[in-house]
Amino acid sequence: MSLEAALLDALLAETGDVVLVAGVDGRVERASPAYTRLTGLTAEQVHGRLLWELVGDPESGPAPGPRVLAGNDRWEGTSWLRDTDDQPHPVRLVLRRVLDPAGGHERIVAVLHSSELAREEGTGEEAGYRDALTGLPGRTLFTDLVGQSLAGARREGRSVGLVLLGLDGFATINDGLGVAYGDAALRSMAERLSNSIRRSDIIGRAGGDVFALATPLTADDHAVIVAQKILEAVNEPLPAEDTEVRLDASVGVSVFPVDAEDTETMMRHADSALRHAKRQGGARYQFYGADMNQRARQRLAVEQGLRRALARDELMVYYQPKVDVETDRIVGMEALIRWHDPEHGMVPPGEFIPVAEETGLIKDLGNWILRAAAAQNRAWQGAGLAPAVVSVNVSPRQFRDPGFPDAVADALAASGLDPAWLELEITESMTMGDADNAVARMRALRDLGVRLSIDDFGTGYSNLGYLARFPVTTLKIDRSFVRDVQTDPGMAEIARAIIGLSRSLNLEIVAEGAETVDHIAFLRDHGCPTVQGFYYSKPLPAESFRQVLAAGTIGPAEAP
């Protein structure tokens, strides 16, 4: 070891600062003992690893990376440091490029000063880095972290929502129950908000009773969903001596890059929206942008209308036939929910189903159509029509609900329908992630005597080994594969493979989305006996479908 290397090791051993030294390739060569104490990673564990893997931004990727030093000898900012569990912790980082005057290799030094660490750990709340009461990032650290998130969103063309939440009437809590209870309420709010966000979200305390959240947006109306979830999380009661206190909150939201392109302006716009929400009476969310407010109002109107529809029986069931391609005989039907609003007429499912899923109303809708379809099928059988299996879609919320088998049993008992004439369609994605529990849920349903179908098969990534364990009776080829079987060889091959898989597992196979004579010819020629789609019929109201069911068969020319 050279004298210079020995001196460097001695300095690292004595300093209280967190230091990493990397070569020009970014691979770590040395780590100070303070780094080990902070992260739990030893010098041997990090030797040879890329600096940017250990110090980086989990939202925007491995940054700061080499690009931040391009053309510069020094960089300073907020970043992340990872520990033994690969968990990121926000830090204040200095990167410095060190050149060898003698022409040797350059080095990159990453330093986290102990004075900065103290602020991160909350001993200097006034510095704005860590809030001592809640442990959340303070305004300064939150702003730094959001700035990094915006930089990543800008590179990737994404949107980010910045949310400010202010508790309504919080001064009354402090005056009535005391400052200690007020502090406990703020800590509880911080915990609730932290538990309701995703790992990619950033949360902080902006000051007083105001919390801040930055979240990547995956769709135009995602900010609406986030705002609604936050209000629901806050509204849960807090225990207080012999009673409970229920808090309300106002929420203001600005969106990058629509409303602003930098953190400071986004904070200002979100604060403006928050103040407007409070002026409107509180307990609501307000967007800075007029377009987003319009979307929020539309979504709220759909949700309220859907609740009324459930209460006033404005929902209907339409049926689409499943047809034997060899004989044109009707062998089954899928029950599909429809909503007729007295004021606006038929509301497209694409408008209200997503809202129902986001709000949890999908469980009520699902149980309603289950009861209605079972009762209708039993009534048709009682009227002497040929029995046919009715299929009902199951939402993820229903499938995960421990009480769902009881709901199915109740629907069968109330209608008098033989379980053999009811099929439940679950999507492939419901079985992903926890296949063992999915198998247990499906077995509980099969024990009732109903049939089970995997809907949209081929669009997910299910383990085929588990598929053999699933107690299902049917696979349903997704319409996306059927649509292009004549023009896309890849799609045609997938369709053929699913048909072959169903045969090998002794399962029935149904293809949805059959719309043309070419679709029918392909499916018939490759051994798919049952199809569903506009080639035969669009979904029909119950009375029209009764006529089709009474005829027993349907051809394309006869489809209403």
Protein backbone atom coordinates (compact mmCIF):
# COMPACT_ATOMS: atom_id res chain seq x y z
CA MET A 1 0.00 0.00 0.00
CA SER A 2 1.35 3.42 -0.91
CA LEU A 3 1.77 6.19 1.63
CA GLU A 4 -1.03 8.15 -0.06
CA ALA A 5 -3.40 5.21 0.27
CA ALA A 6 -2.47 4.71 3.92
CA LEU A 7 -3.06 8.41 4.62
CA LEU A 8 -6.47 8.24 2.93
CA ASP A 9 -7.49 5.20 5.00
CA ALA A 10 -6.39 6.95 8.17
CA LEU A 11 -8.40 10.07 7.33
CA LEU A 12 -11.51 8.02 6.55
CA ALA A 13 -11.15 6.14 9.84
CA GLU A 14 -10.96 9.35 11.88
CA THR A 15 -13.62 11.44 10.14
CA GLY A 16 -17.16 11.47 11.36
CA ASP A 17 -18.40 12.12 7.84
CA VAL A 18 -19.94 9.56 5.55
CA VAL A 19 -17.55 9.17 2.62
CA LEU A 20 -17.43 6.90 -0.43
CA VAL A 21 -14.52 6.97 -2.85
CA ALA A 22 -15.00 5.61 -6.36
CA GLY A 23 -12.84 5.27 -9.44
CA VAL A 24 -13.53 6.97 -12.74
CA ASP A 25 -15.71 3.97 -13.67
CA GLY A 26 -17.95 4.73 -10.69
CA ARG A 27 -17.05 1.58 -8.75
CA VAL A 28 -16.52 2.06 -5.03
CA GLU A 29 -12.95 1.59 -3.73
CA ARG A 30 -13.24 2.83 -0.14
CA ALA A 31 -15.95 3.59 2.43
CA SER A 32 -15.58 5.41 5.73
CA PRO A 33 -16.56 3.73 9.03
CA ALA A 34 -19.29 6.36 9.37
CA TYR A 35 -20.85 4.95 6.21
CA THR A 36 -20.92 1.50 7.79
CA ARG A 37 -22.50 2.85 10.96
CA LEU A 38 -25.21 4.66 9.00
CA THR A 39 -26.14 1.99 6.46
CA GLY A 40 -25.02 -1.30 8.04
CA LEU A 41 -23.04 -2.12 4.90
CA THR A 42 -19.37 -2.97 5.39
CA ALA A 43 -16.54 -1.68 3.21
CA GLU A 44 -16.14 -5.20 1.81
CA GLN A 45 -19.82 -5.37 0.86
CA VAL A 46 -19.72 -2.16 -1.15
CA HIS A 47 -16.27 -2.54 -2.68
CA GLY A 48 -16.63 -2.83 -6.45
CA ARG A 49 -20.29 -1.81 -6.50
CA LEU A 50 -21.36 1.16 -8.59
CA LEU A 51 -21.60 4.34 -6.58
CA TRP A 52 -24.85 5.19 -8.37
CA GLU A 53 -26.45 2.00 -7.02
CA LEU A 54 -25.71 3.04 -3.45
CA VAL A 55 -26.50 6.73 -3.83
CA GLY A 56 -29.43 7.32 -6.14
CA ASP A 57 -33.02 8.36 -6.63
CA PRO A 58 -35.51 5.44 -6.55
CA GLU A 59 -38.10 7.40 -8.55
CA SER A 60 -36.00 8.89 -11.35
CA GLY A 61 -33.50 6.09 -11.66
CA PRO A 62 -29.81 5.91 -10.74
CA ALA A 63 -29.18 9.58 -10.14
CA PRO A 64 -27.06 11.45 -9.37
CA GLY A 65 -24.97 9.50 -11.82
CA PRO A 66 -22.01 10.32 -14.01
CA ARG A 67 -24.07 12.85 -15.94
CA VAL A 68 -24.33 15.24 -12.99
CA LEU A 69 -20.55 15.63 -12.99
CA ALA A 70 -20.24 15.96 -16.74
CA GLY A 71 -18.20 19.10 -17.22
CA ASN A 72 -18.26 19.87 -13.48
CA ASP A 73 -15.92 19.16 -10.60
CA ARG A 74 -18.59 19.41 -7.88
CA TRP A 75 -22.30 18.67 -7.38
CA GLU A 76 -24.42 19.19 -4.28
CA GLY A 77 -28.03 18.29 -3.67
CA THR A 78 -30.53 15.96 -2.02
CA SER A 79 -30.30 12.29 -2.93
CA TRP A 80 -30.77 8.84 -1.39
CA LEU A 81 -28.51 6.47 0.50
CA ARG A 82 -29.35 2.75 0.59
CA ASP A 83 -28.96 0.45 3.62
CA THR A 84 -28.60 -3.33 4.05
CA ASP A 85 -32.29 -3.85 3.20
CA ASP A 86 -31.84 -1.77 0.04
CA GLN A 87 -34.12 0.85 1.56
CA PRO A 88 -33.50 4.45 0.39
CA HIS A 89 -33.01 7.25 2.93
CA PRO A 90 -32.96 10.93 1.91
CA VAL A 91 -29.57 12.60 2.39
CA ARG A 92 -27.73 15.80 1.54
CA LEU A 93 -24.90 14.79 -0.77
CA VAL A 94 -21.76 16.39 -2.15
CA LEU A 95 -20.00 14.81 -5.13
CA ARG A 96 -16.52 15.98 -6.06
CA ARG A 97 -14.27 14.95 -8.91
CA VAL A 98 -10.60 14.68 -7.91
CA LEU A 99 -7.96 14.71 -10.65
CA ASP A 100 -4.44 13.32 -10.20
CA PRO A 101 -1.96 16.14 -11.02
CA ALA A 102 0.57 13.49 -12.04
CA GLY A 103 -1.76 12.18 -14.72
CA GLY A 104 -3.04 9.11 -12.84
CA HIS A 105 -6.64 7.97 -12.53
CA GLU A 106 -9.24 10.44 -11.31
CA ARG A 107 -11.48 9.68 -8.36
CA ILE A 108 -15.03 10.58 -7.41
CA VAL A 109 -15.65 11.38 -3.74
CA ALA A 110 -19.17 11.29 -2.28
CA VAL A 111 -19.50 13.05 1.08
CA LEU A 112 -22.37 13.37 3.53
CA HIS A 113 -21.32 15.78 6.27
CA SER A 114 -22.19 14.92 9.86
CA SER A 115 -23.82 18.33 10.29
CA GLU A 116 -26.23 17.42 7.49
CA LEU A 117 -26.90 14.05 9.11
CA ALA A 118 -28.00 15.76 12.29
CA ARG A 119 -30.54 17.77 10.35
CA GLU A 120 -31.78 14.66 8.54
CA GLU A 121 -32.34 12.95 11.88
CA GLY A 122 -34.59 15.78 13.01
CA THR A 123 -32.33 17.61 15.48
CA GLY A 124 -32.69 20.82 13.51
CA GLU A 125 -36.35 21.19 12.62
CA GLU A 126 -35.80 24.84 11.82
CA ALA A 127 -33.58 23.78 8.95
CA GLY A 128 -36.63 22.27 7.29
CA TYR A 129 -35.08 18.87 6.58
CA ARG A 130 -36.81 16.57 9.06
CA ASP A 131 -39.97 17.41 10.95
CA ALA A 132 -39.31 16.55 14.60
CA LEU A 133 -42.98 15.88 15.44
CA THR A 134 -43.92 13.51 12.61
CA GLY A 135 -40.56 12.31 11.30
CA LEU A 136 -41.59 13.30 7.78
CA PRO A 137 -39.41 15.40 5.50
CA GLY A 138 -39.83 19.09 6.24
CA ARG A 139 -40.61 21.69 3.62
CA THR A 140 -37.01 22.14 2.44
CA LEU A 141 -36.25 18.44 2.07
CA PHE A 142 -39.67 17.79 0.51
CA THR A 143 -39.04 20.53 -2.03
CA ASP A 144 -35.63 19.07 -2.90
CA LEU A 145 -37.09 15.59 -3.35
CA VAL A 146 -39.95 16.85 -5.51
CA GLY A 147 -37.43 18.71 -7.67
CA GLN A 148 -35.67 15.41 -8.37
CA SER A 149 -38.99 13.71 -9.11
CA LEU A 150 -39.88 16.45 -11.59
CA ALA A 151 -36.52 16.08 -13.28
CA GLY A 152 -37.20 12.39 -13.84
CA ALA A 153 -40.76 13.07 -14.99
CA ARG A 154 -39.50 15.68 -17.45
CA ARG A 155 -37.04 13.20 -18.99
CA GLU A 156 -39.66 10.47 -19.26
CA GLY A 157 -42.62 12.62 -20.31
CA ARG A 158 -44.66 11.84 -17.20
CA SER A 159 -47.01 13.94 -15.08
CA VAL A 160 -46.73 14.54 -11.34
CA GLY A 161 -49.41 15.72 -8.95
CA LEU A 162 -48.52 17.91 -5.98
CA VAL A 163 -51.08 17.76 -3.18
CA LEU A 164 -51.36 20.05 -0.14
CA LEU A 165 -53.68 18.82 2.61
CA GLY A 166 -54.81 21.12 5.40
CA LEU A 167 -56.85 19.89 8.36
CA ASP A 168 -60.12 21.81 8.77
CA GLY A 169 -60.73 23.46 12.14
CA PHE A 170 -57.52 22.14 13.65
CA ALA A 171 -57.24 25.15 15.99
CA THR A 172 -60.47 23.97 17.63
CA ILE A 173 -58.83 20.61 18.36
CA ASN A 174 -55.90 22.31 20.05
CA ASP A 175 -58.15 24.63 22.06
CA GLY A 176 -60.67 21.98 23.08
CA LEU A 177 -58.48 18.93 23.73
CA GLY A 178 -55.07 20.48 24.28
CA VAL A 179 -51.85 20.84 22.36
CA ALA A 180 -50.69 17.35 23.35
CA TYR A 181 -53.73 15.79 21.69
CA GLY A 182 -53.23 18.06 18.68
CA ASP A 183 -49.67 16.83 18.33
CA ALA A 184 -50.85 13.22 18.63
CA ALA A 185 -53.44 13.90 15.93
CA LEU A 186 -50.75 15.25 13.59
CA ARG A 187 -48.57 12.19 14.20
CA SER A 188 -51.56 9.95 13.50
CA MET A 189 -52.32 11.83 10.28
CA ALA A 190 -48.70 11.48 9.19
CA GLU A 191 -48.87 7.72 9.80
CA ARG A 192 -52.16 7.34 7.93
CA LEU A 193 -50.95 9.28 4.95
CA SER A 194 -47.67 7.36 4.89
CA ASN A 195 -49.58 4.06 4.93
CA SER A 196 -51.90 5.12 2.11
CA ILE A 197 -49.24 6.11 -0.43
CA ARG A 198 -47.11 4.12 -2.86
CA ARG A 199 -43.34 3.71 -2.64
CA SER A 200 -42.94 6.10 -5.56
CA ASP A 201 -44.80 8.88 -3.71
CA ILE A 202 -43.11 11.60 -1.65
CA ILE A 203 -44.73 12.87 1.53
CA GLY A 204 -43.75 15.68 3.87
CA ARG A 205 -45.05 18.18 6.40
CA ALA A 206 -45.26 21.64 4.90
CA GLY A 207 -45.90 23.31 8.27
CA GLY A 208 -48.61 23.56 10.91
CA ASP A 209 -51.52 21.29 10.00
CA VAL A 210 -50.56 21.14 6.32
CA PHE A 211 -49.09 17.99 4.76
CA ALA A 212 -47.65 17.71 1.26
CA LEU A 213 -47.61 14.82 -1.19
CA ALA A 214 -46.09 14.40 -4.64
CA THR A 215 -47.26 11.44 -6.72
CA PRO A 216 -46.56 10.26 -10.28
CA LEU A 217 -49.74 10.29 -12.36
CA THR A 218 -50.48 7.39 -14.69
CA ALA A 219 -53.67 8.81 -16.21
CA ASP A 220 -55.45 12.14 -16.59
CA ASP A 221 -57.87 11.44 -13.76
CA HIS A 222 -55.39 9.73 -11.45
CA ALA A 223 -55.00 12.94 -9.43
CA VAL A 224 -58.74 12.81 -8.72
CA ILE A 225 -58.39 9.31 -7.32
CA VAL A 226 -55.42 10.33 -5.16
CA ALA A 227 -57.28 13.35 -3.74
CA GLN A 228 -60.31 11.21 -2.92
CA LYS A 229 -58.18 8.53 -1.20
CA ILE A 230 -56.47 11.16 0.93
CA LEU A 231 -59.78 12.61 2.11
CA GLU A 232 -61.01 9.11 2.98
CA ALA A 233 -57.83 8.35 4.95
CA VAL A 234 -58.14 11.56 6.97
CA ASN A 235 -61.82 11.06 7.72
CA GLU A 236 -61.28 7.96 9.86
CA PRO A 237 -62.02 8.84 13.52
CA LEU A 238 -59.30 9.45 16.09
CA PRO A 239 -59.70 8.20 19.69
CA ALA A 240 -59.91 10.99 22.28
CA GLU A 241 -60.40 10.06 25.95
CA ASP A 242 -64.00 8.78 26.15
CA THR A 243 -65.00 9.78 22.64
CA GLU A 244 -63.82 9.89 19.05
CA VAL A 245 -62.89 12.90 16.97
CA ARG A 246 -63.47 12.88 13.23
CA LEU A 247 -61.32 15.29 11.28
CA ASP A 248 -62.06 16.80 7.90
CA ALA A 249 -59.50 18.16 5.49
CA SER A 250 -59.24 20.38 2.47
CA VAL A 251 -56.99 19.43 -0.41
CA GLY A 252 -55.40 21.56 -3.11
CA VAL A 253 -53.73 19.98 -6.14
CA SER A 254 -51.50 21.26 -8.93
CA VAL A 255 -50.24 19.09 -11.78
CA PHE A 256 -46.87 19.06 -13.56
CA PRO A 257 -46.41 20.09 -16.35
CA VAL A 258 -49.95 21.35 -17.01
CA ASP A 259 -50.11 23.88 -14.15
CA ALA A 260 -46.40 24.52 -13.55
CA GLU A 261 -42.95 23.20 -14.45
CA ASP A 262 -41.03 23.78 -11.22
CA THR A 263 -41.56 22.85 -7.58
CA GLU A 264 -41.91 26.35 -6.20
CA THR A 265 -44.68 27.28 -8.64
CA MET A 266 -46.44 23.96 -8.08
CA MET A 267 -46.41 24.54 -4.32
CA ARG A 268 -47.79 28.04 -4.81
CA HIS A 269 -50.55 26.83 -7.12
CA ALA A 270 -51.47 23.92 -4.82
CA ASP A 271 -51.64 26.36 -1.89
CA SER A 272 -53.95 28.60 -3.91
CA ALA A 273 -56.21 25.61 -4.66
CA LEU A 274 -56.14 24.58 -0.97
CA ARG A 275 -57.25 28.05 0.15
CA HIS A 276 -60.05 27.97 -2.42
CA ALA A 277 -61.21 24.57 -1.10
CA LYS A 278 -61.35 25.98 2.44
CA ARG A 279 -63.30 29.04 1.27
CA GLN A 280 -65.86 26.64 -0.28
CA GLY A 281 -66.50 25.15 3.16
CA GLY A 282 -63.72 22.57 3.43
CA ALA A 283 -63.92 18.78 3.39
CA ARG A 284 -63.29 18.78 -0.36
CA TYR A 285 -60.53 18.83 -2.95
CA GLN A 286 -59.81 21.58 -5.45
CA PHE A 287 -57.52 21.57 -8.48
CA TYR A 288 -55.60 24.59 -9.65
CA GLY A 289 -56.37 23.84 -13.29
CA ALA A 290 -59.89 24.33 -14.60
CA ASP A 291 -59.73 21.21 -16.82
CA MET A 292 -58.86 18.97 -13.90
CA ASN A 293 -61.61 20.51 -11.78
CA GLN A 294 -64.05 19.68 -14.57
CA ARG A 295 -62.84 16.06 -14.61
CA ALA A 296 -63.20 15.91 -10.84
CA ARG A 297 -66.76 17.23 -11.03
CA GLN A 298 -67.63 14.74 -13.76
CA ARG A 299 -66.19 11.85 -11.79
CA LEU A 300 -68.03 12.93 -8.63
CA ALA A 301 -71.28 13.20 -10.60
CA VAL A 302 -70.81 9.66 -11.94
CA GLU A 303 -70.12 8.31 -8.45
CA GLN A 304 -73.16 10.03 -6.94
CA GLY A 305 -75.35 8.95 -9.84
CA LEU A 306 -74.19 5.36 -9.51
CA ARG A 307 -75.06 5.32 -5.84
CA ARG A 308 -78.54 6.61 -6.70
CA ALA A 309 -78.87 4.00 -9.45
CA LEU A 310 -78.20 1.22 -6.96
CA ALA A 311 -80.74 2.64 -4.55
CA ARG A 312 -83.41 3.35 -7.20
CA ASP A 313 -83.01 0.19 -9.30
CA GLU A 314 -81.89 2.02 -12.44
CA LEU A 315 -79.48 -0.77 -13.39
CA MET A 316 -80.22 -3.43 -15.98
CA VAL A 317 -78.68 -6.68 -17.17
CA TYR A 318 -77.93 -7.26 -20.85
CA TYR A 319 -77.03 -10.69 -22.20
CA GLN A 320 -74.71 -11.74 -25.01
CA PRO A 321 -75.03 -15.29 -26.37
CA LYS A 322 -72.26 -17.89 -26.47
CA VAL A 323 -72.72 -19.94 -29.63
CA ASP A 324 -71.59 -23.36 -30.90
CA VAL A 325 -69.84 -22.54 -34.21
CA GLU A 326 -70.78 -25.90 -35.76
CA THR A 327 -74.52 -25.76 -35.07
CA ASP A 328 -75.24 -22.06 -34.27
CA ARG A 329 -76.88 -23.36 -31.09
CA ILE A 330 -76.90 -21.07 -28.05
CA VAL A 331 -74.95 -22.82 -25.30
CA GLY A 332 -74.57 -20.01 -22.79
CA MET A 333 -74.72 -16.27 -22.17
CA GLU A 334 -72.72 -13.59 -20.43
CA ALA A 335 -74.54 -11.18 -18.14
CA LEU A 336 -73.37 -7.56 -18.54
CA ILE A 337 -74.43 -4.64 -16.37
CA ARG A 338 -75.94 -1.56 -17.96
CA TRP A 339 -76.99 1.74 -16.41
CA HIS A 340 -79.89 3.83 -17.67
CA ASP A 341 -79.77 7.26 -16.07
CA PRO A 342 -83.21 8.97 -16.15
CA GLU A 343 -81.60 12.30 -17.08
CA HIS A 344 -78.74 11.29 -19.39
CA GLY A 345 -79.96 7.97 -20.79
CA MET A 346 -77.61 5.00 -21.19
CA VAL A 347 -74.25 5.59 -19.52
CA PRO A 348 -71.41 3.72 -21.28
CA PRO A 349 -69.80 1.04 -19.08
CA GLY A 350 -66.41 2.58 -19.82
CA GLU A 351 -67.52 5.68 -17.90
CA PHE A 352 -68.95 4.12 -14.75
CA ILE A 353 -67.14 0.79 -14.28
CA PRO A 354 -63.70 2.43 -13.62
CA VAL A 355 -65.33 4.80 -11.11
CA ALA A 356 -67.04 1.85 -9.42
CA GLU A 357 -63.73 0.02 -9.15
CA GLU A 358 -61.91 3.03 -7.71
CA THR A 359 -64.60 3.83 -5.12
CA GLY A 360 -65.38 0.26 -4.06
CA LEU A 361 -68.90 0.40 -5.51
CA ILE A 362 -67.89 -2.41 -7.85
CA LYS A 363 -68.53 -4.87 -5.03
CA ASP A 364 -72.14 -3.71 -4.70
CA LEU A 365 -72.58 -3.71 -8.48
CA GLY A 366 -71.09 -7.18 -8.75
CA ASN A 367 -73.34 -8.64 -6.07
CA TRP A 368 -76.36 -6.94 -7.66
CA ILE A 369 -75.77 -8.42 -11.12
CA LEU A 370 -75.03 -11.81 -9.57
CA ARG A 371 -78.43 -11.89 -7.90
CA ALA A 372 -80.22 -10.46 -10.93
CA ALA A 373 -78.64 -12.87 -13.44
CA ALA A 374 -79.29 -15.91 -11.27
CA ALA A 375 -82.93 -14.91 -10.77
CA GLN A 376 -83.44 -14.22 -14.50
CA ASN A 377 -81.90 -17.52 -15.59
CA ARG A 378 -84.07 -19.44 -13.13
CA ALA A 379 -87.16 -17.56 -14.39
CA TRP A 380 -86.36 -18.49 -18.00
CA GLN A 381 -85.94 -22.13 -17.04
CA GLY A 382 -89.22 -21.97 -15.12
CA ALA A 383 -90.89 -20.64 -18.28
CA GLY A 384 -89.79 -23.75 -20.17
CA LEU A 385 -86.81 -22.35 -22.07
CA ALA A 386 -83.85 -24.63 -22.66
CA PRO A 387 -81.37 -24.34 -19.77
CA ALA A 388 -78.15 -22.43 -20.50
CA VAL A 389 -75.21 -21.41 -18.33
CA VAL A 390 -75.14 -17.72 -17.39
CA SER A 391 -71.69 -16.20 -16.81
CA VAL A 392 -71.12 -13.29 -14.43
CA ASN A 393 -67.92 -11.28 -14.19
CA VAL A 394 -66.24 -11.12 -10.78
CA SER A 395 -64.33 -8.00 -9.76
CA PRO A 396 -61.00 -8.24 -7.90
CA ARG A 397 -62.63 -6.76 -4.80
CA GLN A 398 -65.32 -9.43 -4.84
CA PHE A 399 -62.80 -12.20 -5.43
CA ARG A 400 -60.66 -11.10 -2.46
CA ASP A 401 -63.66 -10.66 -0.16
CA PRO A 402 -63.83 -13.56 2.35
CA GLY A 403 -67.62 -13.25 2.29
CA PHE A 404 -67.96 -13.65 -1.49
CA PRO A 405 -68.71 -17.42 -1.44
CA ASP A 406 -71.56 -16.65 0.98
CA ALA A 407 -72.86 -13.96 -1.40
CA VAL A 408 -72.87 -16.51 -4.24
CA ALA A 409 -74.63 -19.07 -2.06
CA ASP A 410 -77.25 -16.46 -1.07
CA ALA A 411 -77.88 -15.54 -4.72
CA LEU A 412 -78.38 -19.21 -5.62
CA ALA A 413 -80.67 -19.82 -2.65
CA ALA A 414 -82.76 -16.71 -3.32
CA SER A 415 -83.21 -17.55 -7.00
CA GLY A 416 -83.51 -21.32 -6.74
CA LEU A 417 -81.02 -21.69 -9.62
CA ASP A 418 -79.09 -24.95 -9.81
CA PRO A 419 -75.38 -24.02 -9.27
CA ALA A 420 -74.47 -25.95 -12.44
CA TRP A 421 -76.11 -23.18 -14.51
CA LEU A 422 -74.00 -20.36 -13.04
CA GLU A 423 -70.46 -19.58 -14.14
CA LEU A 424 -68.17 -17.00 -12.51
CA GLU A 425 -65.61 -15.33 -14.77
CA ILE A 426 -62.40 -14.24 -13.03
CA THR A 427 -59.60 -12.46 -14.83
CA GLU A 428 -56.16 -13.96 -15.16
CA SER A 429 -54.62 -11.04 -13.25
CA MET A 430 -56.58 -11.94 -10.10
CA THR A 431 -54.55 -15.13 -9.78
CA MET A 432 -51.17 -13.39 -10.00
CA GLY A 433 -48.98 -12.63 -7.01
CA ASP A 434 -50.65 -14.99 -4.52
CA ALA A 435 -51.62 -18.08 -6.46
CA ASP A 436 -52.01 -20.29 -3.37
CA ASN A 437 -54.71 -18.05 -1.91
CA ALA A 438 -56.30 -17.74 -5.35
CA VAL A 439 -56.56 -21.54 -5.53
CA ALA A 440 -58.15 -21.65 -2.07
CA ARG A 441 -60.73 -19.00 -3.04
CA MET A 442 -61.58 -20.81 -6.26
CA ARG A 443 -62.00 -24.12 -4.45
CA ALA A 444 -64.41 -22.50 -2.00
CA LEU A 445 -66.49 -21.33 -4.96
CA ARG A 446 -66.31 -24.66 -6.79
CA ASP A 447 -67.51 -26.37 -3.60
CA LEU A 448 -70.78 -24.52 -4.15
CA GLY A 449 -71.19 -26.35 -7.47
CA VAL A 450 -70.73 -23.32 -9.75
CA ARG A 451 -68.45 -23.26 -12.79
CA LEU A 452 -65.32 -21.08 -13.00
CA SER A 453 -63.85 -19.46 -16.10
CA ILE A 454 -60.53 -17.64 -16.59
CA ASP A 455 -61.47 -14.50 -18.53
CA ASP A 456 -59.09 -12.56 -20.82
CA PHE A 457 -56.74 -15.52 -20.85
CA GLY A 458 -53.35 -14.80 -22.40
CA THR A 459 -53.18 -11.14 -21.37
CA GLY A 460 -51.49 -11.77 -18.01
CA TYR A 461 -48.48 -13.71 -16.83
CA SER A 462 -49.91 -16.60 -14.87
CA ASN A 463 -47.70 -19.47 -13.94
CA LEU A 464 -48.86 -22.35 -16.14
CA GLY A 465 -47.90 -24.75 -13.39
CA TYR A 466 -50.54 -23.15 -11.20
CA LEU A 467 -53.09 -23.19 -14.02
CA ALA A 468 -53.19 -26.96 -13.77
CA ARG A 469 -54.09 -26.58 -10.08
CA PHE A 470 -56.84 -24.04 -10.65
CA PRO A 471 -60.28 -25.69 -10.28
CA VAL A 472 -61.59 -24.00 -13.43
CA THR A 473 -63.84 -25.39 -16.14
CA THR A 474 -63.21 -22.91 -18.95
CA LEU A 475 -60.57 -20.72 -20.58
CA LYS A 476 -61.71 -17.64 -22.45
CA ILE A 477 -59.46 -16.33 -25.24
CA ASP A 478 -59.14 -12.56 -25.01
CA ARG A 479 -60.61 -10.54 -27.87
CA SER A 480 -57.24 -8.91 -28.57
CA PHE A 481 -55.96 -12.23 -29.94
CA VAL A 482 -59.08 -12.98 -31.95
CA ARG A 483 -59.22 -9.55 -33.57
CA ASP A 484 -55.99 -9.96 -35.56
CA VAL A 485 -55.82 -13.71 -36.22
CA GLN A 486 -56.06 -13.18 -39.99
CA THR A 487 -53.42 -10.43 -40.21
CA ASP A 488 -50.97 -11.06 -37.35
CA PRO A 489 -49.22 -14.47 -37.37
CA GLY A 490 -48.10 -13.95 -33.77
CA MET A 491 -51.64 -13.42 -32.53
CA ALA A 492 -52.84 -16.40 -34.54
CA GLU A 493 -50.17 -18.59 -32.97
CA ILE A 494 -51.15 -17.45 -29.46
CA ALA A 495 -54.79 -18.28 -30.17
CA ARG A 496 -53.84 -21.73 -31.46
CA ALA A 497 -51.64 -22.32 -28.40
CA ILE A 498 -54.43 -21.41 -25.97
CA ILE A 499 -56.82 -23.75 -27.78
CA GLY A 500 -54.24 -26.53 -27.57
CA LEU A 501 -53.58 -25.79 -23.89
CA SER A 502 -57.28 -26.05 -23.08
CA ARG A 503 -57.41 -29.45 -24.74
CA SER A 504 -54.40 -30.75 -22.84
CA LEU A 505 -55.96 -29.61 -19.55
CA ASN A 506 -59.41 -30.95 -20.52
CA LEU A 507 -60.95 -27.50 -20.26
CA GLU A 508 -63.69 -25.90 -22.31
CA ILE A 509 -62.59 -23.00 -24.51
CA VAL A 510 -64.52 -19.87 -25.48
CA ALA A 511 -63.31 -17.10 -27.80
CA GLU A 512 -64.70 -13.61 -27.30
CA GLY A 513 -64.63 -10.77 -29.79
CA ALA A 514 -65.61 -12.87 -32.83
CA GLU A 515 -66.93 -10.27 -35.27
CA THR A 516 -66.29 -11.48 -38.82
CA VAL A 517 -66.74 -14.61 -40.89
CA ASP A 518 -62.94 -14.93 -40.99
CA HIS A 519 -62.82 -15.01 -37.20
CA ILE A 520 -65.43 -17.74 -37.12
CA ALA A 521 -63.65 -19.78 -39.82
CA PHE A 522 -60.29 -19.55 -38.02
CA LEU A 523 -61.73 -20.56 -34.65
CA ARG A 524 -63.77 -23.44 -36.13
CA ASP A 525 -60.81 -24.73 -38.15
CA HIS A 526 -58.50 -24.72 -35.12
CA GLY A 527 -60.84 -26.48 -32.75
CA CYS A 528 -62.51 -23.70 -30.72
CA PRO A 529 -66.14 -24.83 -30.49
CA THR A 530 -67.71 -21.84 -28.70
CA VAL A 531 -67.59 -18.16 -29.60
CA GLN A 532 -69.03 -14.90 -28.35
CA GLY A 533 -69.13 -11.65 -30.29
CA PHE A 534 -70.90 -9.26 -32.63
CA TYR A 535 -70.82 -11.79 -35.50
CA TYR A 536 -73.80 -13.40 -33.83
CA SER A 537 -75.18 -10.70 -31.56
CA LYS A 538 -74.40 -7.63 -29.54
CA PRO A 539 -75.49 -7.67 -25.85
CA LEU A 540 -79.29 -7.56 -25.65
CA PRO A 541 -81.78 -6.50 -22.98
CA ALA A 542 -83.47 -9.36 -21.18
CA GLU A 543 -86.73 -9.35 -23.18
CA SER A 544 -84.92 -9.35 -26.56
CA PHE A 545 -82.54 -12.05 -25.41
CA ARG A 546 -85.49 -14.17 -24.24
CA GLN A 547 -86.68 -14.36 -27.83
CA VAL A 548 -83.24 -15.46 -29.02
CA LEU A 549 -83.01 -18.03 -26.24
CA ALA A 550 -86.47 -19.35 -27.11
CA ALA A 551 -85.36 -19.87 -30.73
CA GLY A 552 -82.42 -21.93 -29.50
CA THR A 553 -80.16 -21.07 -32.42
CA ILE A 554 -78.88 -17.89 -33.96
CA GLY A 555 -77.19 -17.11 -37.26
CA PRO A 556 -75.46 -13.94 -38.35
CA ALA A 557 -78.36 -12.90 -40.57
CA GLU A 558 -80.80 -13.39 -37.70
CA ALA A 559 -78.86 -11.38 -35.13
CA PRO A 560 -81.00 -8.40 -34.01
